């Protein structure tokens, strides 16, 4: 699935604006609501898209010291 040209596996530089009720970071990529696990408001960095929903994205931060983040799940 593709939403506004965003695909699973792509990376984007973002800034987390707020937290959701579940505690995930919230931002927007190309205007699409994006939920990022393990982040806090004000966090800036690169995320990789893990899931593309009908009107939302799920992403995870890319840690520069974590080379195993590209493993297939």
Protein backbone atom coordinates (compact mmCIF):
# COMPACT_ATOMS: atom_id res chain seq x y z
CA UNK A 1 0.00 0.00 0.00
CA UNK A 2 1.15 3.53 -0.76
CA UNK A 3 -0.20 6.70 0.88
CA UNK A 4 0.80 10.00 -0.75
CA UNK A 5 3.85 8.37 -2.28
CA UNK A 6 5.18 6.99 1.02
CA UNK A 7 6.25 3.33 0.93
CA UNK A 8 7.44 0.78 3.48
CA UNK A 9 11.22 0.91 3.87
CA UNK A 10 11.63 4.59 2.97
CA UNK A 11 13.38 6.89 5.42
CA UNK A 12 12.47 10.44 6.44
CA UNK A 13 13.90 13.05 8.77
CA UNK A 14 11.25 14.12 11.28
CA UNK A 15 10.62 15.97 14.52
CA UNK A 16 8.18 14.47 17.01
CA UNK A 17 5.49 17.02 17.87
CA UNK A 18 3.52 15.19 20.58
CA UNK A 19 2.65 11.83 22.14
CA UNK A 20 -0.41 9.69 21.50
CA UNK A 21 -2.53 8.19 24.28
CA UNK A 22 -0.55 4.95 23.79
CA UNK A 23 2.74 6.81 24.30
CA UNK A 24 3.95 6.74 20.70
CA UNK A 25 5.49 9.82 19.15
CA UNK A 26 3.32 11.70 16.65
CA UNK A 27 4.36 13.65 13.58
CA UNK A 28 3.32 14.03 9.96
CA UNK A 29 5.13 12.89 6.83
CA UNK A 30 3.80 14.45 3.62
CA UNK A 31 0.70 15.41 5.60
CA UNK A 32 0.01 11.83 6.74
CA UNK A 33 -0.36 11.06 10.45
CA UNK A 34 2.75 9.13 11.51
CA UNK A 35 3.24 7.20 14.73
CA UNK A 36 6.82 6.58 15.89
CA UNK A 37 7.60 4.18 18.73
CA UNK A 38 10.24 4.91 21.39
CA UNK A 39 10.39 8.67 20.92
CA UNK A 40 9.44 11.76 22.92
CA UNK A 41 8.23 15.24 21.91
CA UNK A 42 11.09 17.28 20.50
CA UNK A 43 13.02 14.21 19.28
CA UNK A 44 14.59 14.84 15.87
CA UNK A 45 16.03 12.13 13.71
CA UNK A 46 15.59 9.71 10.86
CA UNK A 47 12.79 7.15 10.84
CA UNK A 48 12.07 4.18 8.59
CA UNK A 49 8.50 3.41 7.51
CA UNK A 50 7.42 0.00 8.83
CA UNK A 51 3.71 0.02 7.94
CA UNK A 52 1.48 2.02 5.62
CA UNK A 53 -2.18 2.08 6.60
CA UNK A 54 -5.10 3.61 4.72
CA UNK A 55 -4.60 7.02 6.36
CA UNK A 56 -1.60 6.63 8.69
CA UNK A 57 2.01 5.48 8.86
CA UNK A 58 3.91 3.48 11.48
CA UNK A 59 7.63 4.24 11.71
CA UNK A 60 10.62 3.41 13.88
CA UNK A 61 13.66 5.55 14.62
CA UNK A 62 16.93 4.57 12.98
CA UNK A 63 19.75 4.47 15.52
CA UNK A 64 23.18 5.16 14.06
CA UNK A 65 24.69 2.56 16.39
CA UNK A 66 22.16 -0.15 15.49
CA UNK A 67 23.12 -1.87 12.23
CA UNK A 68 20.62 -4.69 12.70
CA UNK A 69 17.58 -2.44 12.08
CA UNK A 70 17.51 -3.49 8.41
CA UNK A 71 16.89 -7.17 9.17
CA UNK A 72 13.76 -8.59 7.58
CA UNK A 73 11.06 -9.51 10.02
